Structures are given as C-alpha cells and as structure tokens.
Amino acid sequence: MRIAIELSPPQEAQLRDRARELGVAPEELARAAVADLLANVDEDFKAAAEHVLRKNAELYSRLA
C-alpha cells in the first residue's frame, strides 16, 4: 500500500537531514516513524484501558 503525504519545505528538509544523519533513505525513516507511532498508540490505549478496568473492578463485580 502506498500513501502520499505533503510536507512543507522545512519539514522535508528536516526529514532529509535526519535521514542522512542516520544513513537511511527519507522514505525508510518516515515508514519507521509511522510504525513507531502506531505501536505506541496501541500501547497507550492498552495501558489506559487496563487502568480503567482495574480502577473500576469493584464496581463491575457489584454490577455483575
């Protein structure tokens, strides 16, 4: 699957500079950044859901 995004000139320059520093193609860096963002969102949601379930465990048992 391909997704195209539009970056401002300063954003494009930052992406190219950072990719060059890391020795990877800008596309590879962008792909890795998106993968990391998606993984962290899942972990953040999971942690929040577990917190709510633990916090309300007694209430849920009373309602059952």
C-alpha atoms as a PDB file:
ATOM      1  CA  MET A   1       0.000   0.000   0.000  1.00  0.00           C
ATOM      2  CA  ARG A   2       1.243   3.468  -0.782  1.00  0.00           C
ATOM      3  CA  ILE A   3       0.202   6.647   0.989  1.00  0.00           C
ATOM      4  CA  ALA A   4       1.408  10.037  -0.157  1.00  0.00           C
ATOM      5  CA  ILE A   5       1.793  12.902   2.301  1.00  0.00           C
ATOM      6  CA  GLU A   6       2.630  16.519   1.669  1.00  0.00           C
ATOM      7  CA  LEU A   7       5.368  18.109   3.763  1.00  0.00           C
ATOM      8  CA  SER A   8       6.248  21.771   3.989  1.00  0.00           C
ATOM      9  CA  PRO A   9       9.692  22.641   2.635  1.00  0.00           C
ATOM     10  CA  PRO A  10      11.146  22.958   6.170  1.00  0.00           C
ATOM     11  CA  GLN A  11       9.669  19.571   7.157  1.00  0.00           C
ATOM     12  CA  GLU A  12      11.074  17.964   4.033  1.00  0.00           C
ATOM     13  CA  ALA A  13      14.494  19.419   4.755  1.00  0.00           C
ATOM     14  CA  GLN A  14      14.377  18.161   8.352  1.00  0.00           C
ATOM     15  CA  LEU A  15      13.371  14.685   7.192  1.00  0.00           C
ATOM     16  CA  ARG A  16      16.158  14.566   4.615  1.00  0.00           C
ATOM     17  CA  ASP A  17      18.737  15.879   7.100  1.00  0.00           C
ATOM     18  CA  ARG A  18      17.761  13.399   9.810  1.00  0.00           C
ATOM     19  CA  ALA A  19      17.681  10.516   7.330  1.00  0.00           C
ATOM     20  CA  ARG A  20      21.137  11.470   6.080  1.00  0.00           C
ATOM     21  CA  GLU A  21      22.435  11.582   9.679  1.00  0.00           C
ATOM     22  CA  LEU A  22      21.041   8.091  10.272  1.00  0.00           C
ATOM     23  CA  GLY A  23      22.261   6.739   6.945  1.00  0.00           C
ATOM     24  CA  VAL A  24      18.839   5.753   5.646  1.00  0.00           C
ATOM     25  CA  ALA A  25      16.528   6.932   2.888  1.00  0.00           C
ATOM     26  CA  PRO A  26      13.945   9.561   3.884  1.00  0.00           C
ATOM     27  CA  GLU A  27      11.192   7.105   2.922  1.00  0.00           C
ATOM     28  CA  GLU A  28      12.619   4.487   5.276  1.00  0.00           C
ATOM     29  CA  LEU A  29      12.791   6.966   8.135  1.00  0.00           C
ATOM     30  CA  ALA A  30       9.204   8.096   7.535  1.00  0.00           C
ATOM     31  CA  ARG A  31       7.998   4.479   7.393  1.00  0.00           C
ATOM     32  CA  ALA A  32       9.780   3.685  10.686  1.00  0.00           C
ATOM     33  CA  ALA A  33       8.345   6.798  12.336  1.00  0.00           C
ATOM     34  CA  VAL A  34       4.807   5.851  11.333  1.00  0.00           C
ATOM     35  CA  ALA A  35       5.297   2.263  12.533  1.00  0.00           C
ATOM     36  CA  ASP A  36       6.583   3.561  15.880  1.00  0.00           C
ATOM     37  CA  LEU A  37       3.650   5.961  16.224  1.00  0.00           C
ATOM     38  CA  LEU A  38       1.134   3.209  15.530  1.00  0.00           C
ATOM     39  CA  ALA A  39       2.787   0.842  18.003  1.00  0.00           C
ATOM     40  CA  ASN A  40       2.871   3.474  20.746  1.00  0.00           C
ATOM     41  CA  VAL A  41      -0.766   4.430  20.231  1.00  0.00           C
ATOM     42  CA  ASP A  42      -1.742   0.779  20.724  1.00  0.00           C
ATOM     43  CA  GLU A  43       0.341   0.530  23.905  1.00  0.00           C
ATOM     44  CA  ASP A  44      -1.016   3.821  25.278  1.00  0.00           C
ATOM     45  CA  PHE A  45      -4.612   2.733  24.645  1.00  0.00           C
ATOM     46  CA  LYS A  46      -3.997  -0.686  26.182  1.00  0.00           C
ATOM     47  CA  ALA A  47      -2.446   0.864  29.305  1.00  0.00           C
ATOM     48  CA  ALA A  48      -5.343   3.316  29.684  1.00  0.00           C
ATOM     49  CA  ALA A  49      -7.955   0.582  29.244  1.00  0.00           C
ATOM     50  CA  GLU A  50      -6.237  -1.657  31.810  1.00  0.00           C
ATOM     51  CA  HIS A  51      -6.080   1.250  34.273  1.00  0.00           C
ATOM     52  CA  VAL A  52      -9.816   1.917  33.903  1.00  0.00           C
ATOM     53  CA  LEU A  53     -10.665  -1.761  34.307  1.00  0.00           C
ATOM     54  CA  ARG A  54      -8.513  -2.075  37.459  1.00  0.00           C
ATOM     55  CA  LYS A  55      -9.894   1.143  38.898  1.00  0.00           C
ATOM     56  CA  ASN A  56     -13.494   0.045  38.379  1.00  0.00           C
ATOM     57  CA  ALA A  57     -13.098  -3.688  39.144  1.00  0.00           C
ATOM     58  CA  GLU A  58     -15.136  -3.491  42.350  1.00  0.00           C
ATOM     59  CA  LEU A  59     -17.941  -1.598  40.641  1.00  0.00           C
ATOM     60  CA  TYR A  60     -18.031  -4.102  37.798  1.00  0.00           C
ATOM     61  CA  SER A  61     -18.224  -7.021  40.254  1.00  0.00           C
ATOM     62  CA  ARG A  62     -21.136  -5.387  42.105  1.00  0.00           C
ATOM     63  CA  LEU A  63     -22.999  -4.843  38.851  1.00  0.00           C
ATOM     64  CA  ALA A  64     -22.491  -8.443  37.701  1.00  0.00           C
END
